[in-house]
């Protein structure tokens, strides 16, 4: 992974900027991260943050619909956007000669996206079709990221369906869109990242040229989404008409990703010890030796790590044959967690997992698009884009004792258990 000297500054309108020069290839990545995600959308408007992400591609102050697509693709570039629990991001990767084009495009829609009734109605239909394709009409759709939070959490920001309810989506109005944009898409609520083959002084000039006159608006006050941890085991059931086999997801609260980063990283290593690779403990026990399940996995963050502030979720998911009971899987999980809580993993087992994590982070951030997005999200969530360059080493430094402490915290009396039952069309 290329390590860049970071150049950070803030425009008069509050936009934070991160520049990460890397001349190894004649390409440049541009991203804008807005501090708004699923957890920020108002009650009664589930899926609104994701819907608004779609609207940001429907034209802007100076450009008609699809012009953004044509301008990027005609330069030989790629683009996209995505919505997460605590942020929404947009990016382009282009030849470095097209840097100013990318900056213009992002500044233009930050200034004024084209919010029309036609665009809104069209994108509501697009999002509904996406939900049908990815959730409603496929086996294990929304498992576990939509289905587990309502069992583990009790407040609307943490528990609701970020993809959206059809009724809520259909009731969205242009006034809702304008208010959402005015509140959350202010320059002071965003981070602009430019990485790759760039000249720092010239790029700074271009950023001032295109973003400097975007009108300043107050940065919204971000509420705390904290809520008490469960004090008992919580259970929920979901009937999936497309699932061929039963499944379950077990959810636990994790350490604060921002203020307890090393403890958070220990949870990532714990997930690897439990279920990452054929030699992991749950794979060996539940897939190969007993066997009780057809598939098992563990992970930190319902969308992956480093994508949310507190609270965040550690989850274990399993698909199993009908003759295996939920309690058999939970008993095996608890036994493995108890073993790790009592006896930390050995040096070889720990080294295997931490090396795999470090290599994966190096490999991921070696790709310009991934590095650009990571720089922006870490600056937004942690206030430190430079974490990109030290996370692999921080991960490699996780100790066996930290993994053991992480296992001790995953207790039966403070977890959520979601059971997925096959319905009509599934196993009976």
Protein backbone atom coordinates (compact mmCIF):
# COMPACT_ATOMS: atom_id res chain seq x y z
CA UNK A 1 0.00 0.00 0.00
CA UNK A 2 1.36 3.41 -0.96
CA UNK A 3 1.83 5.66 2.08
CA UNK A 4 1.17 9.33 1.33
CA UNK A 5 1.91 12.46 3.28
CA UNK A 6 -1.59 13.76 4.03
CA UNK A 7 -2.47 17.39 3.47
CA UNK A 8 -5.58 18.52 5.37
CA UNK A 9 -7.35 21.87 5.36
CA UNK A 10 -10.81 23.34 5.82
CA UNK A 11 -12.59 25.79 3.52
CA UNK A 12 -14.40 28.86 4.83
CA UNK A 13 -17.74 27.10 4.31
CA UNK A 14 -16.64 24.30 6.65
CA UNK A 15 -15.77 21.61 4.06
CA UNK A 16 -12.94 19.43 5.34
CA UNK A 17 -10.43 18.36 2.69
CA UNK A 18 -7.89 15.52 2.65
CA UNK A 19 -5.26 15.30 -0.09
CA UNK A 20 -3.17 12.12 -0.40
CA UNK A 21 -0.69 12.35 -3.30
CA UNK A 22 0.58 9.10 -4.84
CA UNK A 23 2.31 9.37 -8.25
CA UNK A 24 2.70 5.63 -8.84
CA UNK A 25 -0.11 5.54 -11.45
CA UNK A 26 -1.70 8.32 -13.56
CA UNK A 27 -5.11 8.05 -11.88
CA UNK A 28 -6.90 9.99 -9.17
CA UNK A 29 -9.70 9.16 -6.77
CA UNK A 30 -12.20 11.75 -5.55
CA UNK A 31 -14.75 11.06 -2.82
CA UNK A 32 -17.21 13.06 -0.74
CA UNK A 33 -18.44 11.63 2.55
CA UNK A 34 -21.50 13.23 4.14
CA UNK A 35 -22.11 12.72 7.85
CA UNK A 36 -25.57 11.22 7.39
CA UNK A 37 -26.66 7.60 7.11
CA UNK A 38 -29.46 5.24 8.02
CA UNK A 39 -29.35 6.26 11.67
CA UNK A 40 -29.98 9.92 10.86
CA UNK A 41 -33.16 9.49 8.82
CA UNK A 42 -36.37 10.66 10.51
CA UNK A 43 -38.89 8.27 12.01
CA UNK A 44 -41.57 7.43 9.48
CA UNK A 45 -39.08 7.84 6.63
CA UNK A 46 -37.23 4.54 6.66
CA UNK A 47 -34.88 4.19 3.71
CA UNK A 48 -34.75 7.94 3.13
CA UNK A 49 -30.94 8.28 3.34
CA UNK A 50 -30.55 5.59 0.67
CA UNK A 51 -33.30 7.13 -1.46
CA UNK A 52 -31.54 10.49 -1.28
CA UNK A 53 -28.28 8.90 -2.40
CA UNK A 54 -30.11 7.86 -5.57
CA UNK A 55 -31.48 11.38 -6.07
CA UNK A 56 -27.96 12.83 -5.99
CA UNK A 57 -27.31 11.14 -9.36
CA UNK A 58 -30.37 12.65 -11.08
CA UNK A 59 -28.88 15.92 -12.28
CA UNK A 60 -27.74 19.11 -10.58
CA UNK A 61 -27.62 22.87 -10.85
CA UNK A 62 -25.75 22.86 -14.16
CA UNK A 63 -26.23 19.35 -15.52
CA UNK A 64 -29.21 17.41 -16.77
CA UNK A 65 -30.01 13.83 -15.74
CA UNK A 66 -27.34 11.29 -16.80
CA UNK A 67 -24.77 14.02 -17.54
CA UNK A 68 -22.74 13.01 -14.47
CA UNK A 69 -22.58 9.46 -15.84
CA UNK A 70 -21.50 10.59 -19.31
CA UNK A 71 -18.87 13.03 -18.05
CA UNK A 72 -17.15 10.42 -15.89
CA UNK A 73 -17.40 7.54 -18.34
CA UNK A 74 -16.25 9.63 -21.30
CA UNK A 75 -13.10 10.38 -19.29
CA UNK A 76 -12.46 6.66 -18.84
CA UNK A 77 -13.55 6.76 -15.21
CA UNK A 78 -15.87 4.93 -12.83
CA UNK A 79 -18.22 6.25 -10.14
CA UNK A 80 -20.73 5.17 -7.51
CA UNK A 81 -22.23 5.98 -4.14
CA UNK A 82 -23.35 4.03 -1.08
CA UNK A 83 -25.27 4.53 2.15
CA UNK A 84 -24.02 3.28 5.51
CA UNK A 85 -25.24 3.51 9.11
CA UNK A 86 -23.41 6.79 9.78
CA UNK A 87 -22.41 8.24 6.39
CA UNK A 88 -23.17 8.40 2.70
CA UNK A 89 -20.32 8.45 0.19
CA UNK A 90 -19.90 9.34 -3.48
CA UNK A 91 -16.77 8.77 -5.55
CA UNK A 92 -15.10 8.88 -8.94
CA UNK A 93 -11.85 7.29 -10.11
CA UNK A 94 -10.49 8.83 -13.31
CA UNK A 95 -7.27 9.51 -15.20
CA UNK A 96 -5.45 12.26 -13.33
CA UNK A 97 -5.92 14.66 -16.25
CA UNK A 98 -9.67 14.60 -15.48
CA UNK A 99 -9.32 15.66 -11.84
CA UNK A 100 -10.96 19.05 -12.34
CA UNK A 101 -13.94 17.41 -14.02
CA UNK A 102 -14.54 15.21 -10.97
CA UNK A 103 -14.23 18.16 -8.59
CA UNK A 104 -16.70 20.19 -10.65
CA UNK A 105 -19.22 17.33 -10.67
CA UNK A 106 -19.13 16.81 -6.91
CA UNK A 107 -19.23 20.53 -6.14
CA UNK A 108 -22.14 21.07 -8.52
CA UNK A 109 -24.40 18.56 -6.82
CA UNK A 110 -23.23 19.64 -3.35
CA UNK A 111 -24.42 23.10 -4.35
CA UNK A 112 -27.81 22.08 -5.72
CA UNK A 113 -28.99 18.63 -6.84
CA UNK A 114 -31.98 18.57 -9.18
CA UNK A 115 -34.86 17.65 -6.87
CA UNK A 116 -38.02 17.27 -8.97
CA UNK A 117 -41.23 15.31 -8.51
CA UNK A 118 -40.40 13.26 -11.60
CA UNK A 119 -36.96 12.34 -10.26
CA UNK A 120 -38.38 11.51 -6.83
CA UNK A 121 -41.12 9.24 -8.19
CA UNK A 122 -38.69 7.51 -10.52
CA UNK A 123 -36.11 6.83 -7.81
CA UNK A 124 -38.72 5.59 -5.33
CA UNK A 125 -39.61 2.97 -7.92
CA UNK A 126 -35.92 2.16 -8.46
CA UNK A 127 -35.31 1.69 -4.72
CA UNK A 128 -38.45 -0.45 -4.35
CA UNK A 129 -37.25 -2.69 -7.17
CA UNK A 130 -33.83 -2.93 -5.52
CA UNK A 131 -35.51 -4.04 -2.27
CA UNK A 132 -37.55 -6.65 -4.13
CA UNK A 133 -34.41 -7.98 -5.81
CA UNK A 134 -32.07 -7.94 -2.81
CA UNK A 135 -34.44 -8.60 0.10
CA UNK A 136 -37.99 -9.69 -0.62
CA UNK A 137 -37.48 -12.15 -3.46
CA UNK A 138 -34.27 -13.93 -2.50
CA UNK A 139 -33.41 -16.49 0.19
CA UNK A 140 -32.16 -14.92 3.42
CA UNK A 141 -32.78 -11.41 2.07
CA UNK A 142 -31.85 -8.81 4.68
CA UNK A 143 -30.19 -11.46 6.84
CA UNK A 144 -28.84 -10.37 9.19
CA UNK A 145 -28.42 -6.63 8.66
CA UNK A 146 -32.13 -5.77 8.39
CA UNK A 147 -33.53 -8.55 10.58
CA UNK A 148 -31.15 -8.63 13.56
CA UNK A 149 -31.08 -4.95 14.69
CA UNK A 150 -34.78 -4.85 15.74
CA UNK A 151 -34.06 -7.74 18.10
CA UNK A 152 -30.81 -6.35 19.57
CA UNK A 153 -31.70 -2.65 19.71
CA UNK A 154 -34.70 -0.76 21.06
CA UNK A 155 -34.40 2.76 19.57
CA UNK A 156 -35.57 3.74 16.09
CA UNK A 157 -32.16 4.94 14.78
CA UNK A 158 -30.47 1.63 15.64
CA UNK A 159 -33.32 -0.82 15.07
CA UNK A 160 -35.13 0.27 11.92
CA UNK A 161 -34.81 -1.03 8.37
CA UNK A 162 -32.35 1.25 6.58
CA UNK A 163 -33.36 -0.13 3.18
CA UNK A 164 -36.84 1.24 3.73
CA UNK A 165 -40.48 0.32 4.07
CA UNK A 166 -42.52 0.70 0.88
CA UNK A 167 -45.17 2.83 2.61
CA UNK A 168 -42.55 5.18 4.05
CA UNK A 169 -40.78 5.49 0.71
CA UNK A 170 -44.02 6.23 -1.16
CA UNK A 171 -44.90 8.99 1.29
CA UNK A 172 -41.63 10.86 0.78
CA UNK A 173 -42.20 14.39 -0.55
CA UNK A 174 -40.10 17.04 -2.25
CA UNK A 175 -40.31 19.08 0.95
CA UNK A 176 -38.79 16.12 2.81
CA UNK A 177 -35.99 15.99 0.24
CA UNK A 178 -35.28 19.72 0.44
CA UNK A 179 -35.19 19.63 4.23
CA UNK A 180 -32.89 16.59 4.23
CA UNK A 181 -30.51 18.24 1.78
CA UNK A 182 -30.48 21.57 3.64
CA UNK A 183 -29.82 19.84 6.94
CA UNK A 184 -27.31 17.14 6.12
CA UNK A 185 -25.66 18.02 2.80
CA UNK A 186 -24.01 21.19 4.06
CA UNK A 187 -20.29 21.56 3.25
CA UNK A 188 -19.53 21.65 6.98
CA UNK A 189 -21.06 18.17 7.28
CA UNK A 190 -18.80 16.63 4.62
CA UNK A 191 -15.25 15.47 3.90
CA UNK A 192 -13.74 15.78 0.42
CA UNK A 193 -10.88 13.38 -0.31
CA UNK A 194 -8.55 13.47 -3.31
CA UNK A 195 -5.96 10.70 -3.61
CA UNK A 196 -3.58 9.54 -6.30
CA UNK A 197 -1.57 11.31 -8.98
CA UNK A 198 -2.05 14.94 -7.96
CA UNK A 199 -0.07 18.11 -7.44
CA UNK A 200 -0.91 19.37 -3.97
CA UNK A 201 -0.79 23.11 -4.70
CA UNK A 202 -2.75 22.81 -7.95
CA UNK A 203 -5.33 20.54 -6.35
CA UNK A 204 -5.78 22.96 -3.45
CA UNK A 205 -6.45 25.73 -5.99
CA UNK A 206 -9.01 23.59 -7.83
CA UNK A 207 -10.77 22.67 -4.58
CA UNK A 208 -11.08 26.37 -3.66
CA UNK A 209 -12.24 27.16 -7.20
CA UNK A 210 -15.06 24.62 -7.29
CA UNK A 211 -16.09 24.18 -3.65
CA UNK A 212 -15.17 27.54 -2.15
CA UNK A 213 -18.38 29.25 -3.25
CA UNK A 214 -20.75 26.45 -2.20
CA UNK A 215 -22.95 28.31 0.31
CA UNK A 216 -22.17 27.64 3.95
CA UNK A 217 -24.92 26.22 6.15
CA UNK A 218 -24.80 25.24 9.82
CA UNK A 219 -23.40 21.82 10.57
CA UNK A 220 -26.23 19.75 12.07
CA UNK A 221 -25.87 18.65 15.66
CA UNK A 222 -25.41 14.89 15.61
CA UNK A 223 -27.46 13.27 18.36
CA UNK A 224 -26.11 10.42 20.43
CA UNK A 225 -27.44 7.07 19.25
CA UNK A 226 -26.30 5.38 22.45
CA UNK A 227 -28.69 3.02 24.21
CA UNK A 228 -28.23 0.62 27.14
CA UNK A 229 -26.83 -2.82 26.45
CA UNK A 230 -29.26 -5.71 26.85
CA UNK A 231 -29.46 -7.19 30.36
CA UNK A 232 -31.04 -10.44 29.18
CA UNK A 233 -31.13 -12.62 26.11
CA UNK A 234 -33.47 -11.21 23.48
CA UNK A 235 -35.16 -13.43 20.88
CA UNK A 236 -36.96 -12.88 17.61
CA UNK A 237 -38.27 -15.02 14.74
CA UNK A 238 -38.58 -14.33 11.03
CA UNK A 239 -40.34 -16.55 8.50
CA UNK A 240 -38.55 -16.53 5.14
CA UNK A 241 -40.65 -18.02 2.32
CA UNK A 242 -37.56 -18.45 0.11
CA UNK A 243 -35.14 -19.98 2.62
CA UNK A 244 -34.34 -23.63 1.90
CA UNK A 245 -32.96 -24.21 5.43
CA UNK A 246 -33.35 -22.68 8.90
CA UNK A 247 -30.82 -20.07 10.01
CA UNK A 248 -29.96 -18.02 13.04
CA UNK A 249 -28.07 -14.85 13.79
CA UNK A 250 -26.60 -14.00 17.17
CA UNK A 251 -25.88 -10.33 17.87
CA UNK A 252 -23.78 -8.70 20.57
CA UNK A 253 -22.83 -5.10 21.31
CA UNK A 254 -19.21 -4.19 20.61
CA UNK A 255 -16.75 -1.70 22.09
CA UNK A 256 -16.99 1.84 20.72
CA UNK A 257 -15.24 1.77 17.30
CA UNK A 258 -13.92 5.32 17.74
CA UNK A 259 -13.06 5.69 21.43
CA UNK A 260 -12.12 2.05 22.11
CA UNK A 261 -10.42 1.22 18.84
CA UNK A 262 -7.97 -1.39 20.15
CA UNK A 263 -10.77 -3.29 21.90
CA UNK A 264 -12.79 -3.03 18.69
CA UNK A 265 -9.89 -4.48 16.69
CA UNK A 266 -9.68 -7.36 19.18
CA UNK A 267 -13.28 -8.20 18.25
CA UNK A 268 -12.27 -8.39 14.58
CA UNK A 269 -9.51 -10.83 15.48
CA UNK A 270 -11.95 -12.79 17.65
CA UNK A 271 -14.29 -13.11 14.65
CA UNK A 272 -11.37 -14.52 12.64
CA UNK A 273 -10.45 -17.01 15.35
CA UNK A 274 -14.06 -18.18 15.50
CA UNK A 275 -15.04 -18.52 11.88
CA UNK A 276 -12.53 -17.21 9.32
CA UNK A 277 -11.12 -20.15 7.31
CA UNK A 278 -11.54 -23.90 7.44
CA UNK A 279 -9.24 -24.19 10.44
CA UNK A 280 -11.20 -21.75 12.61
CA UNK A 281 -12.89 -23.00 15.75
CA UNK A 282 -16.53 -22.82 14.75
CA UNK A 283 -15.83 -24.13 11.26
CA UNK A 284 -13.97 -27.11 12.68
CA UNK A 285 -16.54 -27.87 15.35
CA UNK A 286 -19.85 -27.15 13.66
CA UNK A 287 -19.11 -27.86 9.99
CA UNK A 288 -16.50 -30.62 10.04
CA UNK A 289 -16.51 -32.47 13.36
CA UNK A 290 -20.07 -32.69 14.68
CA UNK A 291 -21.45 -31.44 12.09
CA UNK A 292 -24.44 -29.22 12.94
CA UNK A 293 -24.45 -26.45 10.31
CA UNK A 294 -23.88 -26.06 6.60
CA UNK A 295 -22.43 -22.57 6.89
CA UNK A 296 -21.22 -20.34 9.72
CA UNK A 297 -19.59 -16.92 9.84
CA UNK A 298 -18.69 -14.23 12.35
CA UNK A 299 -17.97 -10.56 11.88
CA UNK A 300 -17.78 -7.10 13.35
CA UNK A 301 -20.20 -4.57 11.95
CA UNK A 302 -23.36 -5.54 10.09
CA UNK A 303 -21.88 -3.95 6.93
CA UNK A 304 -18.29 -4.74 7.75
CA UNK A 305 -15.79 -3.06 10.08
CA UNK A 306 -14.94 0.67 10.26
CA UNK A 307 -18.32 1.77 8.86
CA UNK A 308 -20.08 3.00 12.00
CA UNK A 309 -19.70 4.83 15.26
CA UNK A 310 -21.04 3.46 18.52
CA UNK A 311 -23.13 1.34 18.88
CA UNK A 312 -21.87 -1.36 16.55
CA UNK A 313 -22.68 -5.06 16.31
CA UNK A 314 -20.74 -8.30 16.52
CA UNK A 315 -22.68 -11.07 14.82
CA UNK A 316 -22.46 -14.82 14.30
CA UNK A 317 -24.68 -16.31 11.59
CA UNK A 318 -25.37 -19.94 10.77
CA UNK A 319 -27.45 -21.91 8.28
CA UNK A 320 -28.31 -25.39 9.45
CA UNK A 321 -30.40 -28.46 8.56
CA UNK A 322 -33.88 -28.79 10.11
CA UNK A 323 -32.76 -31.56 12.48
CA UNK A 324 -30.28 -29.20 14.16
CA UNK A 325 -31.87 -27.06 16.87
CA UNK A 326 -31.13 -23.44 17.66
CA UNK A 327 -30.00 -24.50 21.13
CA UNK A 328 -27.41 -26.93 19.76
CA UNK A 329 -25.77 -24.14 17.75
CA UNK A 330 -25.92 -21.69 20.67
CA UNK A 331 -24.47 -24.25 23.09
CA UNK A 332 -21.53 -24.88 20.75
CA UNK A 333 -20.97 -21.14 20.26
CA UNK A 334 -21.05 -20.52 24.02
CA UNK A 335 -18.63 -23.38 24.61
CA UNK A 336 -16.10 -21.94 22.15
CA UNK A 337 -16.45 -18.43 23.60
CA UNK A 338 -16.02 -19.80 27.14
CA UNK A 339 -12.91 -21.68 26.04
CA UNK A 340 -11.40 -18.51 24.59
CA UNK A 341 -12.38 -16.48 27.64
CA UNK A 342 -10.60 -19.00 29.86
CA UNK A 343 -7.61 -19.79 27.66
CA UNK A 344 -6.40 -17.14 25.16
CA UNK A 345 -5.56 -18.34 21.65
CA UNK A 346 -2.05 -19.67 21.15
CA UNK A 347 0.68 -17.77 19.30
CA UNK A 348 0.30 -19.71 16.04
CA UNK A 349 -3.50 -19.39 15.93
CA UNK A 350 -3.34 -15.68 16.76
CA UNK A 351 -0.56 -14.97 14.25
CA UNK A 352 -2.48 -16.70 11.48
CA UNK A 353 -5.55 -14.49 12.00
CA UNK A 354 -3.74 -11.19 12.55
CA UNK A 355 -1.51 -11.80 9.52
CA UNK A 356 -4.57 -12.51 7.39
CA UNK A 357 -6.25 -9.31 8.59
CA UNK A 358 -3.14 -7.18 8.05
CA UNK A 359 -2.63 -8.58 4.56
CA UNK A 360 -6.27 -7.98 3.68
CA UNK A 361 -6.09 -4.35 4.82
CA UNK A 362 -2.86 -3.75 2.90
CA UNK A 363 -4.33 -5.37 -0.22
CA UNK A 364 -7.62 -3.48 0.02
CA UNK A 365 -6.02 -0.09 0.54
CA UNK A 366 -3.57 -0.74 -2.28
CA UNK A 367 -6.55 -0.20 -4.61
CA UNK A 368 -6.97 3.53 -5.15
CA UNK A 369 -10.76 3.50 -4.88
CA UNK A 370 -10.68 1.62 -1.56
CA UNK A 371 -7.94 3.86 -0.18
CA UNK A 372 -9.77 7.03 -1.18
CA UNK A 373 -12.98 5.87 0.47
CA UNK A 374 -11.15 4.68 3.59
CA UNK A 375 -9.32 8.00 3.96
CA UNK A 376 -12.63 9.85 3.78
CA UNK A 377 -14.62 7.61 6.10
CA UNK A 378 -11.87 7.46 8.74
CA UNK A 379 -11.52 11.24 8.65
CA UNK A 380 -15.27 11.61 9.04
CA UNK A 381 -15.84 8.99 11.75
CA UNK A 382 -12.52 9.09 13.64
CA UNK A 383 -11.17 12.51 12.74
CA UNK A 384 -8.02 10.77 11.51
CA UNK A 385 -7.62 9.78 7.85
CA UNK A 386 -4.09 8.63 8.65
CA UNK A 387 -5.48 5.55 10.39
CA UNK A 388 -5.53 4.00 6.89
CA UNK A 389 -1.76 3.64 7.09
CA UNK A 390 -1.54 2.24 10.64
CA UNK A 391 -4.56 -0.07 10.89
CA UNK A 392 -2.66 -3.11 9.55
CA UNK A 393 0.01 -2.67 12.22
CA UNK A 394 -2.59 -1.97 14.93
CA UNK A 395 -4.35 -5.17 13.91
CA UNK A 396 -1.10 -7.17 13.96
CA UNK A 397 -0.43 -5.89 17.49
CA UNK A 398 -3.66 -7.31 18.98
CA UNK A 399 -2.69 -9.66 21.81
CA UNK A 400 -4.10 -13.04 22.82
CA UNK A 401 -5.23 -11.52 26.11
CA UNK A 402 -7.23 -8.83 24.26
CA UNK A 403 -8.96 -11.54 22.22
CA UNK A 404 -9.76 -13.40 25.42
CA UNK A 405 -11.26 -10.26 26.96
CA UNK A 406 -13.38 -9.76 23.84
CA UNK A 407 -14.71 -13.32 24.17
CA UNK A 408 -15.60 -12.76 27.83
CA UNK A 409 -17.87 -9.86 26.85
CA UNK A 410 -20.00 -11.95 24.47
CA UNK A 411 -22.36 -13.38 27.05
CA UNK A 412 -25.70 -15.20 26.66
CA UNK A 413 -27.43 -12.77 29.04
CA UNK A 414 -26.72 -9.72 26.85
CA UNK A 415 -27.25 -10.93 23.30
CA UNK A 416 -29.94 -11.12 20.64
CA UNK A 417 -30.89 -14.33 18.86
CA UNK A 418 -32.77 -14.14 15.57
CA UNK A 419 -34.21 -17.41 14.24
CA UNK A 420 -35.07 -17.65 10.54
CA UNK A 421 -37.69 -20.29 9.76
CA UNK A 422 -38.32 -21.51 6.21
CA UNK A 423 -41.87 -20.74 5.14
CA UNK A 424 -43.85 -21.81 2.11
CA UNK A 425 -41.34 -22.84 -0.56
CA UNK A 426 -38.65 -23.67 2.00
CA UNK A 427 -37.90 -26.82 3.98
CA UNK A 428 -40.80 -27.98 6.13
